Amino acid sequence: MVRASDSPRLIYVTNPMCAWCYGFTAVVRRLRALWQGRIKVKVLFGDLNAHTTTPLTREEKDQLALSWHLVQERTYLPFDYRFFKEQEFVYNTEPACRAMLCVRLLRPVLTLEVLRAMHSAFYADGLDLRNPMVLARIVGMFGISENLFLTLFESEEIMQQMEDEFGYVDDIGADTFPSLFLLTNHGSEQISRGYLDINELEQRLLTVMEHANG
């Protein structure tokens, strides 16, 4: 699915409804800006409770709330905690991932920007990213035709491609979101397994690149 090239490429494995990804997407966008012209970023989407049909338990909500607080303390990003008053919430992230896959196919250069908007819509604004019309409105803000988006979003082909991508992400060992890999001519090397700030990320990237070129 992803091939090495002469320019080093980062593989950013994420999920639109992952709290630590909400924080880390801003870091990846910052890294891309700082390293503009020297590195490329490929965004892949991983299976986080995709297709689940069981509502969150009280214990699961408590774990999520703790995670949200930790992310907020680390990143200072806004969160809408009214989410935890919802009853019988089914935390199915597949529609949001599929929407981002559509964006990557239709407007690849906008992938990180739309992902940032998806994170913000869910965590800061409390919007339901399981709703196709909510997703269509978000992508529409970036000039993507809502009709074109919904046609692709609802196609069997994109659903199968999403499942293939989930499988590929599993195959490369990205079992934690977010994860970041450097693709080299020798294969892929993991840079991060979880959140890092920009200074930590740059240091790890330089270390892995030096090792890969050694």
N, C-alpha and C. Protein backbone atom coordinates (compact mmCIF):
# COMPACT_ATOMS: atom_id res chain seq x y z
N MET A 1 0.83 -1.21 0.00
CA MET A 1 0.00 0.00 0.00
C MET A 1 0.86 1.25 0.00
N VAL A 2 1.94 1.24 0.76
CA VAL A 2 2.82 2.40 0.84
C VAL A 2 4.22 1.96 0.44
N ARG A 3 4.85 2.68 -0.45
CA ARG A 3 6.16 2.31 -0.92
C ARG A 3 7.20 3.35 -0.54
N ALA A 4 8.41 2.89 -0.39
CA ALA A 4 9.50 3.82 -0.10
C ALA A 4 9.82 4.65 -1.33
N SER A 5 10.38 5.80 -1.12
CA SER A 5 10.77 6.66 -2.23
C SER A 5 12.07 7.34 -1.84
N ASP A 6 12.61 8.15 -2.74
CA ASP A 6 13.85 8.84 -2.44
C ASP A 6 13.68 9.82 -1.29
N SER A 7 12.50 10.45 -1.19
CA SER A 7 12.22 11.35 -0.09
C SER A 7 11.66 10.55 1.08
N PRO A 8 12.24 10.70 2.28
CA PRO A 8 11.71 9.96 3.43
C PRO A 8 10.22 10.26 3.62
N ARG A 9 9.48 9.24 3.96
CA ARG A 9 8.04 9.39 4.14
C ARG A 9 7.64 8.90 5.52
N LEU A 10 6.85 9.71 6.20
CA LEU A 10 6.29 9.32 7.48
C LEU A 10 4.93 8.68 7.24
N ILE A 11 4.68 7.60 7.94
CA ILE A 11 3.36 6.98 7.94
C ILE A 11 2.73 7.30 9.29
N TYR A 12 1.69 8.11 9.26
CA TYR A 12 0.99 8.51 10.48
C TYR A 12 -0.27 7.67 10.60
N VAL A 13 -0.31 6.77 11.58
CA VAL A 13 -1.46 5.91 11.80
C VAL A 13 -2.30 6.53 12.90
N THR A 14 -3.56 6.81 12.58
CA THR A 14 -4.39 7.60 13.47
C THR A 14 -5.84 7.14 13.40
N ASN A 15 -6.70 7.84 14.12
CA ASN A 15 -8.14 7.61 14.09
C ASN A 15 -8.82 8.92 14.46
N PRO A 16 -9.86 9.33 13.73
CA PRO A 16 -10.49 10.62 14.01
C PRO A 16 -11.12 10.73 15.39
N MET A 17 -11.42 9.58 16.03
CA MET A 17 -12.08 9.60 17.34
C MET A 17 -11.15 9.08 18.44
N CYS A 18 -9.86 9.27 18.25
CA CYS A 18 -8.84 8.89 19.24
C CYS A 18 -8.35 10.17 19.92
N ALA A 19 -8.46 10.21 21.25
CA ALA A 19 -8.15 11.45 21.98
C ALA A 19 -6.69 11.84 21.86
N TRP A 20 -5.78 10.88 22.00
CA TRP A 20 -4.36 11.22 21.88
C TRP A 20 -4.00 11.61 20.46
N CYS A 21 -4.73 11.08 19.48
CA CYS A 21 -4.53 11.50 18.08
C CYS A 21 -4.96 12.96 17.90
N TYR A 22 -6.01 13.36 18.60
CA TYR A 22 -6.45 14.75 18.58
C TYR A 22 -5.27 15.66 18.94
N GLY A 23 -4.52 15.28 19.95
CA GLY A 23 -3.36 16.07 20.32
C GLY A 23 -2.20 15.92 19.35
N PHE A 24 -1.98 14.70 18.87
CA PHE A 24 -0.80 14.43 18.07
C PHE A 24 -0.91 14.94 16.64
N THR A 25 -2.13 15.05 16.11
CA THR A 25 -2.29 15.57 14.75
C THR A 25 -1.71 16.97 14.64
N ALA A 26 -1.89 17.78 15.68
CA ALA A 26 -1.32 19.13 15.67
C ALA A 26 0.20 19.07 15.62
N VAL A 27 0.79 18.09 16.30
CA VAL A 27 2.24 17.92 16.31
C VAL A 27 2.73 17.49 14.92
N VAL A 28 2.02 16.56 14.31
CA VAL A 28 2.41 16.09 12.97
C VAL A 28 2.30 17.22 11.96
N ARG A 29 1.26 18.02 12.05
CA ARG A 29 1.10 19.16 11.14
C ARG A 29 2.25 20.15 11.35
N ARG A 30 2.65 20.36 12.59
CA ARG A 30 3.77 21.26 12.89
C ARG A 30 5.07 20.69 12.32
N LEU A 31 5.27 19.40 12.47
CA LEU A 31 6.48 18.77 11.94
C LEU A 31 6.53 18.90 10.42
N ARG A 32 5.41 18.67 9.78
CA ARG A 32 5.37 18.78 8.32
C ARG A 32 5.73 20.19 7.87
N ALA A 33 5.26 21.19 8.61
CA ALA A 33 5.58 22.58 8.26
C ALA A 33 7.06 22.88 8.48
N LEU A 34 7.61 22.39 9.57
CA LEU A 34 9.02 22.65 9.88
C LEU A 34 9.94 21.93 8.89
N TRP A 35 9.52 20.77 8.42
CA TRP A 35 10.35 19.95 7.53
C TRP A 35 9.85 20.03 6.08
N GLN A 36 9.17 21.09 5.74
CA GLN A 36 8.57 21.22 4.41
C GLN A 36 9.62 21.02 3.32
N GLY A 37 9.29 20.15 2.37
CA GLY A 37 10.19 19.88 1.26
C GLY A 37 11.22 18.80 1.55
N ARG A 38 11.32 18.38 2.83
CA ARG A 38 12.32 17.37 3.20
C ARG A 38 11.70 16.04 3.58
N ILE A 39 10.40 16.02 3.83
CA ILE A 39 9.75 14.79 4.26
C ILE A 39 8.27 14.86 3.88
N LYS A 40 7.69 13.72 3.64
CA LYS A 40 6.27 13.64 3.28
C LYS A 40 5.53 12.83 4.34
N VAL A 41 4.24 13.09 4.46
CA VAL A 41 3.43 12.40 5.46
C VAL A 41 2.28 11.68 4.77
N LYS A 42 2.19 10.39 4.99
CA LYS A 42 1.08 9.57 4.52
C LYS A 42 0.23 9.22 5.72
N VAL A 43 -1.06 9.52 5.66
CA VAL A 43 -1.96 9.27 6.79
C VAL A 43 -2.76 7.99 6.54
N LEU A 44 -2.68 7.07 7.49
CA LEU A 44 -3.46 5.83 7.43
C LEU A 44 -4.37 5.77 8.65
N PHE A 45 -5.47 5.05 8.51
CA PHE A 45 -6.48 5.01 9.57
C PHE A 45 -6.62 3.61 10.13
N GLY A 46 -6.57 3.53 11.46
CA GLY A 46 -6.60 2.24 12.14
C GLY A 46 -7.93 1.95 12.80
N ASP A 47 -8.16 0.66 13.01
CA ASP A 47 -9.40 0.15 13.57
C ASP A 47 -9.43 0.37 15.08
N LEU A 48 -10.22 1.33 15.49
CA LEU A 48 -10.47 1.58 16.91
C LEU A 48 -11.96 1.40 17.15
N ASN A 49 -12.34 0.23 17.64
CA ASN A 49 -13.76 -0.07 17.88
C ASN A 49 -14.61 0.06 16.63
N ALA A 50 -14.03 -0.18 15.46
CA ALA A 50 -14.82 -0.11 14.23
C ALA A 50 -15.86 -1.22 14.23
N HIS A 51 -17.08 -0.82 13.86
CA HIS A 51 -18.22 -1.75 13.73
C HIS A 51 -18.77 -2.22 15.07
N THR A 52 -18.30 -1.65 16.18
CA THR A 52 -18.85 -2.07 17.46
C THR A 52 -20.33 -1.71 17.53
N THR A 53 -21.10 -2.53 18.20
CA THR A 53 -22.54 -2.30 18.34
C THR A 53 -22.96 -2.21 19.80
N THR A 54 -22.00 -2.34 20.70
CA THR A 54 -22.30 -2.36 22.13
C THR A 54 -22.06 -0.98 22.74
N PRO A 55 -23.05 -0.43 23.44
CA PRO A 55 -22.86 0.89 24.08
C PRO A 55 -21.74 0.85 25.10
N LEU A 56 -21.12 2.01 25.33
CA LEU A 56 -20.07 2.13 26.33
C LEU A 56 -20.62 1.79 27.73
N THR A 57 -19.84 1.05 28.49
CA THR A 57 -20.19 0.79 29.87
C THR A 57 -19.75 1.97 30.74
N ARG A 58 -20.18 1.98 31.97
CA ARG A 58 -19.77 3.03 32.90
C ARG A 58 -18.25 3.01 33.08
N GLU A 59 -17.67 1.80 33.18
CA GLU A 59 -16.22 1.69 33.35
C GLU A 59 -15.49 2.23 32.13
N GLU A 60 -15.99 1.93 30.94
CA GLU A 60 -15.36 2.43 29.72
C GLU A 60 -15.45 3.94 29.63
N LYS A 61 -16.58 4.50 30.05
CA LYS A 61 -16.71 5.95 30.06
C LYS A 61 -15.72 6.59 31.04
N ASP A 62 -15.56 5.95 32.19
CA ASP A 62 -14.61 6.47 33.18
C ASP A 62 -13.19 6.47 32.61
N GLN A 63 -12.82 5.40 31.90
CA GLN A 63 -11.50 5.31 31.29
C GLN A 63 -11.31 6.39 30.22
N LEU A 64 -12.36 6.60 29.42
CA LEU A 64 -12.30 7.64 28.39
C LEU A 64 -12.14 9.02 29.01
N ALA A 65 -12.92 9.29 30.05
CA ALA A 65 -12.86 10.59 30.71
C ALA A 65 -11.45 10.86 31.24
N LEU A 66 -10.83 9.84 31.84
CA LEU A 66 -9.47 9.99 32.33
C LEU A 66 -8.52 10.30 31.19
N SER A 67 -8.67 9.59 30.08
CA SER A 67 -7.83 9.82 28.91
C SER A 67 -7.99 11.25 28.38
N TRP A 68 -9.24 11.71 28.30
CA TRP A 68 -9.50 13.06 27.81
C TRP A 68 -8.82 14.09 28.71
N HIS A 69 -8.90 13.91 30.02
CA HIS A 69 -8.28 14.86 30.95
C HIS A 69 -6.76 14.86 30.78
N LEU A 70 -6.18 13.68 30.59
CA LEU A 70 -4.73 13.60 30.41
C LEU A 70 -4.29 14.31 29.13
N VAL A 71 -5.05 14.12 28.06
CA VAL A 71 -4.73 14.80 26.80
C VAL A 71 -4.85 16.30 26.97
N GLN A 72 -5.91 16.74 27.64
CA GLN A 72 -6.11 18.18 27.83
C GLN A 72 -4.99 18.79 28.66
N GLU A 73 -4.55 18.08 29.70
CA GLU A 73 -3.46 18.58 30.52
C GLU A 73 -2.15 18.67 29.74
N ARG A 74 -1.94 17.73 28.81
CA ARG A 74 -0.67 17.68 28.05
C ARG A 74 -0.67 18.67 26.89
N THR A 75 -1.83 18.88 26.26
CA THR A 75 -1.88 19.64 25.00
C THR A 75 -2.60 20.97 25.10
N TYR A 76 -3.40 21.18 26.17
CA TYR A 76 -4.20 22.40 26.36
C TYR A 76 -5.29 22.55 25.31
N LEU A 77 -5.68 21.46 24.66
CA LEU A 77 -6.75 21.51 23.68
C LEU A 77 -8.11 21.47 24.38
N PRO A 78 -9.14 22.07 23.75
CA PRO A 78 -10.47 22.10 24.38
C PRO A 78 -11.21 20.76 24.23
N PHE A 79 -12.00 20.42 25.23
CA PHE A 79 -12.84 19.22 25.22
C PHE A 79 -14.24 19.59 25.69
N ASP A 80 -15.24 18.97 25.08
CA ASP A 80 -16.63 19.14 25.49
C ASP A 80 -17.03 17.89 26.27
N TYR A 81 -17.08 18.00 27.59
CA TYR A 81 -17.34 16.84 28.44
C TYR A 81 -18.83 16.51 28.56
N ARG A 82 -19.68 17.24 27.85
CA ARG A 82 -21.10 16.87 27.83
C ARG A 82 -21.29 15.50 27.19
N PHE A 83 -20.30 15.06 26.43
CA PHE A 83 -20.34 13.73 25.82
C PHE A 83 -20.68 12.65 26.85
N PHE A 84 -20.16 12.81 28.06
CA PHE A 84 -20.31 11.76 29.07
C PHE A 84 -21.70 11.72 29.70
N LYS A 85 -22.55 12.67 29.34
CA LYS A 85 -23.94 12.63 29.78
C LYS A 85 -24.81 11.84 28.83
N GLU A 86 -24.25 11.51 27.65
CA GLU A 86 -25.03 10.74 26.67
C GLU A 86 -25.25 9.32 27.16
N GLN A 87 -26.45 8.82 26.91
CA GLN A 87 -26.79 7.46 27.29
C GLN A 87 -26.62 6.53 26.09
N GLU A 88 -26.16 5.33 26.35
CA GLU A 88 -26.11 4.28 25.33
C GLU A 88 -25.31 4.70 24.09
N PHE A 89 -24.16 5.33 24.30
CA PHE A 89 -23.34 5.76 23.15
C PHE A 89 -22.53 4.58 22.64
N VAL A 90 -22.69 4.29 21.34
CA VAL A 90 -21.93 3.23 20.68
C VAL A 90 -20.72 3.87 20.00
N TYR A 91 -19.52 3.57 20.50
CA TYR A 91 -18.31 4.25 20.07
C TYR A 91 -17.74 3.59 18.80
N ASN A 92 -18.50 3.72 17.71
CA ASN A 92 -18.10 3.13 16.43
C ASN A 92 -17.37 4.18 15.61
N THR A 93 -16.08 3.96 15.38
CA THR A 93 -15.27 4.95 14.68
C THR A 93 -15.17 4.68 13.18
N GLU A 94 -15.77 3.61 12.69
CA GLU A 94 -15.61 3.26 11.27
C GLU A 94 -16.13 4.35 10.33
N PRO A 95 -17.32 4.94 10.56
CA PRO A 95 -17.78 5.99 9.63
C PRO A 95 -16.81 7.16 9.52
N ALA A 96 -16.25 7.61 10.65
CA ALA A 96 -15.31 8.73 10.61
C ALA A 96 -14.04 8.36 9.86
N CYS A 97 -13.56 7.13 10.08
CA CYS A 97 -12.37 6.67 9.33
C CYS A 97 -12.67 6.61 7.85
N ARG A 98 -13.83 6.09 7.50
CA ARG A 98 -14.20 5.97 6.08
C ARG A 98 -14.34 7.35 5.45
N ALA A 99 -14.86 8.30 6.21
CA ALA A 99 -14.96 9.66 5.70
C ALA A 99 -13.58 10.22 5.40
N MET A 100 -12.63 9.96 6.30
CA MET A 100 -11.26 10.45 6.08
C MET A 100 -10.60 9.73 4.91
N LEU A 101 -10.92 8.48 4.70
CA LEU A 101 -10.39 7.76 3.54
C LEU A 101 -10.91 8.42 2.26
N CYS A 102 -12.19 8.81 2.25
CA CYS A 102 -12.75 9.52 1.10
C CYS A 102 -12.01 10.83 0.85
N VAL A 103 -11.74 11.56 1.91
CA VAL A 103 -11.00 12.83 1.78
C VAL A 103 -9.62 12.58 1.20
N ARG A 104 -8.95 11.54 1.69
CA ARG A 104 -7.61 11.25 1.19
C ARG A 104 -7.62 10.90 -0.29
N LEU A 105 -8.69 10.30 -0.76
CA LEU A 105 -8.80 9.96 -2.17
C LEU A 105 -9.20 11.17 -3.02
N LEU A 106 -10.10 12.00 -2.49
CA LEU A 106 -10.62 13.13 -3.25
C LEU A 106 -9.70 14.35 -3.20
N ARG A 107 -9.14 14.64 -2.02
CA ARG A 107 -8.28 15.82 -1.84
C ARG A 107 -7.11 15.45 -0.93
N PRO A 108 -6.18 14.67 -1.42
CA PRO A 108 -5.11 14.17 -0.55
C PRO A 108 -4.33 15.25 0.19
N VAL A 109 -4.14 16.41 -0.44
CA VAL A 109 -3.35 17.46 0.22
C VAL A 109 -4.07 18.04 1.43
N LEU A 110 -5.36 17.78 1.55
CA LEU A 110 -6.14 18.32 2.67
C LEU A 110 -6.30 17.34 3.81
N THR A 111 -5.70 16.16 3.70
CA THR A 111 -5.98 15.09 4.66
C THR A 111 -5.75 15.52 6.10
N LEU A 112 -4.59 16.08 6.40
CA LEU A 112 -4.30 16.46 7.78
C LEU A 112 -5.18 17.61 8.26
N GLU A 113 -5.53 18.52 7.35
CA GLU A 113 -6.37 19.65 7.74
C GLU A 113 -7.79 19.18 8.07
N VAL A 114 -8.33 18.29 7.23
CA VAL A 114 -9.67 17.77 7.51
C VAL A 114 -9.65 16.89 8.76
N LEU A 115 -8.59 16.12 8.94
CA LEU A 115 -8.47 15.31 10.15
C LEU A 115 -8.49 16.19 11.39
N ARG A 116 -7.76 17.30 11.35
CA ARG A 116 -7.77 18.23 12.48
C ARG A 116 -9.19 18.73 12.74
N ALA A 117 -9.92 19.03 11.67
CA ALA A 117 -11.30 19.50 11.82
C ALA A 117 -12.20 18.41 12.39
N MET A 118 -11.98 17.17 11.99
CA MET A 118 -12.77 16.05 12.52
C MET A 118 -12.53 15.90 14.02
N HIS A 119 -11.25 15.92 14.41
CA HIS A 119 -10.93 15.85 15.84
C HIS A 119 -11.65 16.95 16.61
N SER A 120 -11.53 18.16 16.11
CA SER A 120 -12.12 19.31 16.81
C SER A 120 -13.64 19.20 16.87
N ALA A 121 -14.25 18.74 15.78
CA ALA A 121 -15.71 18.60 15.73
C ALA A 121 -16.20 17.63 16.81
N PHE A 122 -15.47 16.54 17.00
CA PHE A 122 -15.90 15.54 17.97
C PHE A 122 -15.55 15.95 19.40
N TYR A 123 -14.32 16.34 19.62
CA TYR A 123 -13.86 16.58 20.98
C TYR A 123 -14.21 17.96 21.53
N ALA A 124 -14.14 18.98 20.70
CA ALA A 124 -14.40 20.34 21.18
C ALA A 124 -15.85 20.77 20.97
N ASP A 125 -16.48 20.29 19.88
CA ASP A 125 -17.82 20.75 19.55
C ASP A 125 -18.90 19.73 19.87
N GLY A 126 -18.51 18.50 20.19
CA GLY A 126 -19.49 17.49 20.56
C GLY A 126 -20.34 16.98 19.42
N LEU A 127 -19.85 17.06 18.19
CA LEU A 127 -20.61 16.58 17.04
C LEU A 127 -20.49 15.06 16.90
N ASP A 128 -21.51 14.46 16.31
CA ASP A 128 -21.58 13.01 16.18
C ASP A 128 -20.94 12.58 14.86
N LEU A 129 -19.72 12.06 14.92
CA LEU A 129 -19.01 11.67 13.72
C LEU A 129 -19.48 10.32 13.17
N ARG A 130 -20.50 9.74 13.76
CA ARG A 130 -21.09 8.53 13.19
C ARG A 130 -22.17 8.88 12.17
N ASN A 131 -22.55 10.16 12.14
CA ASN A 131 -23.64 10.63 11.28
C ASN A 131 -23.08 11.08 9.93
N PRO A 132 -23.47 10.42 8.82
CA PRO A 132 -22.92 10.79 7.51
C PRO A 132 -23.16 12.25 7.13
N MET A 133 -24.28 12.83 7.54
CA MET A 133 -24.55 14.21 7.17
C MET A 133 -23.64 15.17 7.94
N VAL A 134 -23.31 14.84 9.18
CA VAL A 134 -22.34 15.64 9.93
C VAL A 134 -20.99 15.57 9.25
N LEU A 135 -20.59 14.37 8.85
CA LEU A 135 -19.31 14.20 8.15
C LEU A 135 -19.30 14.97 6.84
N ALA A 136 -20.41 14.94 6.11
CA ALA A 136 -20.50 15.64 4.83
C ALA A 136 -20.37 17.15 5.02
N ARG A 137 -20.95 17.67 6.10
CA ARG A 137 -20.84 19.11 6.36
C ARG A 137 -19.41 19.50 6.69
N ILE A 138 -18.72 18.66 7.43
CA ILE A 138 -17.33 18.97 7.78
C ILE A 138 -16.46 19.01 6.53
N VAL A 139 -16.55 17.99 5.69
CA VAL A 139 -15.71 17.97 4.49
C VAL A 139 -16.14 19.06 3.52
N GLY A 140 -17.42 19.42 3.57
CA GLY A 140 -17.91 20.48 2.69
C GLY A 140 -17.26 21.82 2.98
N MET A 141 -16.83 22.03 4.22
CA MET A 141 -16.15 23.28 4.58
C MET A 141 -14.81 23.41 3.88
N PHE A 142 -14.30 22.30 3.33
CA PHE A 142 -13.02 22.31 2.64
C PHE A 142 -13.18 22.24 1.12
N GLY A 143 -14.40 22.56 0.65
CA GLY A 143 -14.63 22.62 -0.78
C GLY A 143 -14.90 21.29 -1.45
N ILE A 144 -15.12 20.25 -0.66
CA ILE A 144 -15.44 18.94 -1.22
C ILE A 144 -16.95 18.83 -1.37
N SER A 145 -17.41 18.52 -2.56
CA SER A 145 -18.83 18.40 -2.82
C SER A 145 -19.47 17.37 -1.90
N GLU A 146 -20.52 17.77 -1.20
CA GLU A 146 -21.17 16.85 -0.29
C GLU A 146 -21.78 15.67 -1.04
N ASN A 147 -22.35 15.91 -2.21
CA ASN A 147 -22.93 14.82 -3.00
C ASN A 147 -21.86 13.83 -3.45
N LEU A 148 -20.74 14.37 -3.93
CA LEU A 148 -19.64 13.51 -4.35
C LEU A 148 -19.12 12.71 -3.17
N PHE A 149 -18.95 13.39 -2.04
CA PHE A 149 -18.47 12.71 -0.84
C PHE A 149 -19.40 11.58 -0.43
N LEU A 150 -20.70 11.86 -0.35
CA LEU A 150 -21.65 10.85 0.12
C LEU A 150 -21.74 9.67 -0.84
N THR A 151 -21.62 9.94 -2.14
CA THR A 151 -21.65 8.85 -3.12
C THR A 151 -20.48 7.90 -2.89
N LEU A 152 -19.29 8.49 -2.69
CA LEU A 152 -18.11 7.67 -2.44
C LEU A 152 -18.20 7.00 -1.08
N PHE A 153 -18.62 7.74 -0.07
CA PHE A 153 -18.70 7.25 1.30
C PHE A 153 -19.61 6.02 1.41
N GLU A 154 -20.67 6.00 0.64
CA GLU A 154 -21.66 4.92 0.74
C GLU A 154 -21.40 3.78 -0.24
N SER A 155 -20.31 3.85 -1.00
CA SER A 155 -20.03 2.81 -2.00
C SER A 155 -19.44 1.57 -1.36
N GLU A 156 -19.72 0.44 -1.94
CA GLU A 156 -19.16 -0.82 -1.45
C GLU A 156 -17.64 -0.84 -1.61
N GLU A 157 -17.16 -0.20 -2.67
CA GLU A 157 -15.71 -0.18 -2.92
C GLU A 157 -14.96 0.50 -1.79
N ILE A 158 -15.48 1.64 -1.32
CA ILE A 158 -14.77 2.37 -0.27
C ILE A 158 -14.86 1.61 1.06
N MET A 159 -15.97 0.92 1.27
CA MET A 159 -16.10 0.12 2.49
C MET A 159 -15.07 -1.00 2.50
N GLN A 160 -14.88 -1.65 1.35
CA GLN A 160 -13.88 -2.71 1.26
C GLN A 160 -12.47 -2.15 1.40
N GLN A 161 -12.23 -0.99 0.80
CA GLN A 161 -10.91 -0.37 0.90
C GLN A 161 -10.59 -0.02 2.35
N MET A 162 -11.64 0.39 3.08
CA MET A 162 -11.44 0.71 4.49
C MET A 162 -11.02 -0.53 5.27
N GLU A 163 -11.69 -1.64 5.01
CA GLU A 163 -11.34 -2.89 5.69
C GLU A 163 -9.92 -3.32 5.33
N ASP A 164 -9.54 -3.14 4.06
CA ASP A 164 -8.18 -3.48 3.64
C ASP A 164 -7.15 -2.63 4.38
N GLU A 165 -7.49 -1.35 4.57
CA GLU A 165 -6.56 -0.46 5.27
C GLU A 165 -6.43 -0.84 6.74
N PHE A 166 -7.54 -1.17 7.36
CA PHE A 166 -7.49 -1.64 8.75
C PHE A 166 -6.56 -2.86 8.84
N GLY A 167 -6.69 -3.78 7.88
CA GLY A 167 -5.85 -4.97 7.88
C GLY A 167 -4.38 -4.64 7.68
N TYR A 168 -4.10 -3.69 6.79
CA TYR A 168 -2.71 -3.30 6.54
C TYR A 168 -2.10 -2.67 7.79
N VAL A 169 -2.85 -1.82 8.45
CA VAL A 169 -2.36 -1.18 9.67
C VAL A 169 -2.04 -2.24 10.73
N ASP A 170 -2.88 -3.25 10.84
CA ASP A 170 -2.60 -4.35 11.76
C ASP A 170 -1.31 -5.07 11.36
N ASP A 171 -1.14 -5.27 10.06
CA ASP A 171 0.02 -6.02 9.56
C ASP A 171 1.34 -5.33 9.87
N ILE A 172 1.36 -4.00 9.87
CA ILE A 172 2.62 -3.30 10.13
C ILE A 172 2.87 -3.11 11.62
N GLY A 173 1.95 -3.62 12.43
CA GLY A 173 2.17 -3.59 13.88
C GLY A 173 1.76 -2.31 14.57
N ALA A 174 0.90 -1.52 13.93
CA ALA A 174 0.44 -0.27 14.55
C ALA A 174 -0.76 -0.58 15.43
N ASP A 175 -0.49 -1.07 16.64
CA ASP A 175 -1.57 -1.46 17.55
C ASP A 175 -1.87 -0.39 18.59
N THR A 176 -1.21 0.75 18.48
CA THR A 176 -1.45 1.88 19.37
C THR A 176 -1.68 3.12 18.53
N PHE A 177 -2.70 3.90 18.89
CA PHE A 177 -2.98 5.15 18.17
C PHE A 177 -2.73 6.33 19.09
N PRO A 178 -1.96 7.32 18.63
CA PRO A 178 -1.32 7.40 17.32
C PRO A 178 -0.01 6.61 17.28
N SER A 179 0.39 6.24 16.07
CA SER A 179 1.71 5.64 15.82
C SER A 179 2.31 6.33 14.61
N LEU A 180 3.63 6.41 14.61
CA LEU A 180 4.33 7.07 13.51
C LEU A 180 5.50 6.20 13.08
N PHE A 181 5.61 5.99 11.78
CA PHE A 181 6.68 5.18 11.21
C PHE A 181 7.44 5.99 10.17
N LEU A 182 8.72 5.70 10.04
CA LEU A 182 9.51 6.25 8.95
C LEU A 182 9.72 5.14 7.93
N LEU A 183 9.29 5.39 6.70
CA LEU A 183 9.46 4.43 5.62
C LEU A 183 10.79 4.72 4.94
N THR A 184 11.66 3.72 4.91
CA THR A 184 12.97 3.87 4.27
C THR A 184 13.12 2.79 3.21
N ASN A 185 14.23 2.81 2.51
CA ASN A 185 14.49 1.79 1.50
C ASN A 185 14.71 0.41 2.12
N HIS A 186 14.87 0.37 3.44
CA HIS A 186 15.07 -0.89 4.14
C HIS A 186 13.79 -1.38 4.81
N GLY A 187 12.70 -0.65 4.64
CA GLY A 187 11.44 -1.01 5.28
C GLY A 187 10.93 0.14 6.14
N SER A 188 10.16 -0.18 7.14
CA SER A 188 9.62 0.87 8.02
C SER A 188 10.18 0.71 9.42
N GLU A 189 10.44 1.85 10.05
CA GLU A 189 10.91 1.88 11.43
C GLU A 189 9.98 2.76 12.24
N GLN A 190 9.56 2.25 13.37
CA GLN A 190 8.63 3.00 14.20
C GLN A 190 9.34 4.12 14.94
N ILE A 191 8.76 5.31 14.84
CA ILE A 191 9.31 6.48 15.52
C ILE A 191 8.61 6.71 16.85
N SER A 192 7.29 6.57 16.84
CA SER A 192 6.54 6.79 18.07
C SER A 192 5.41 5.79 18.20
N ARG A 193 5.12 5.45 19.43
CA ARG A 193 3.98 4.59 19.77
C ARG A 193 3.22 5.33 20.86
N GLY A 194 2.37 6.25 20.42
CA GLY A 194 1.71 7.15 21.34
C GLY A 194 2.12 8.59 21.09
N TYR A 195 1.66 9.47 21.97
CA TYR A 195 1.87 10.91 21.80
C TYR A 195 3.30 11.32 22.14
N LEU A 196 3.83 12.25 21.33
CA LEU A 196 5.09 12.93 21.61
C LEU A 196 4.90 14.41 21.33
N ASP A 197 5.62 15.28 22.04
CA ASP A 197 5.59 16.68 21.67
C ASP A 197 6.57 16.91 20.53
N ILE A 198 6.59 18.10 19.99
CA ILE A 198 7.35 18.36 18.77
C ILE A 198 8.85 18.17 18.99
N ASN A 199 9.37 18.55 20.14
CA ASN A 199 10.80 18.39 20.38
C ASN A 199 11.19 16.92 20.48
N GLU A 200 10.38 16.14 21.20
CA GLU A 200 10.63 14.71 21.31
C GLU A 200 10.55 14.04 19.95
N LEU A 201 9.55 14.45 19.17
CA LEU A 201 9.35 13.83 17.86
C LEU A 201 10.51 14.13 16.92
N GLU A 202 10.95 15.36 16.89
CA GLU A 202 12.07 15.70 16.01
C GLU A 202 13.33 14.94 16.40
N GLN A 203 13.58 14.82 17.69
CA GLN A 203 14.77 14.11 18.14
C GLN A 203 14.71 12.64 17.74
N ARG A 204 13.54 12.03 17.93
CA ARG A 204 13.41 10.62 17.55
C ARG A 204 13.52 10.43 16.05
N LEU A 205 12.95 11.35 15.30
CA LEU A 205 13.01 11.26 13.85
C LEU A 205 14.45 11.34 13.38
N LEU A 206 15.20 12.28 13.91
CA LEU A 206 16.61 12.42 13.53
C LEU A 206 17.41 11.17 13.88
N THR A 207 17.14 10.61 15.04
CA THR A 207 17.84 9.40 15.47
C THR A 207 17.54 8.22 14.56
N VAL A 208 16.26 8.03 14.23
CA VAL A 208 15.87 6.91 13.36
C VAL A 208 16.41 7.12 11.96
N MET A 209 16.39 8.35 11.46
CA MET A 209 16.93 8.62 10.12
C MET A 209 18.43 8.36 10.06
N GLU A 210 19.13 8.74 11.12
CA GLU A 210 20.57 8.50 11.16
C GLU A 210 20.87 7.01 11.17
N HIS A 211 20.07 6.26 11.93
CA HIS A 211 20.24 4.82 11.98
C HIS A 211 19.92 4.19 10.64
N ALA A 212 18.85 4.68 10.00
CA ALA A 212 18.44 4.11 8.71
C ALA A 212 19.47 4.37 7.62
N ASN A 213 20.17 5.50 7.72
CA ASN A 213 21.16 5.86 6.70
C ASN A 213 22.56 5.36 7.05
N GLY A 214 22.67 4.76 8.23
CA GLY A 214 23.99 4.33 8.67
C GLY A 214 24.47 3.04 8.00
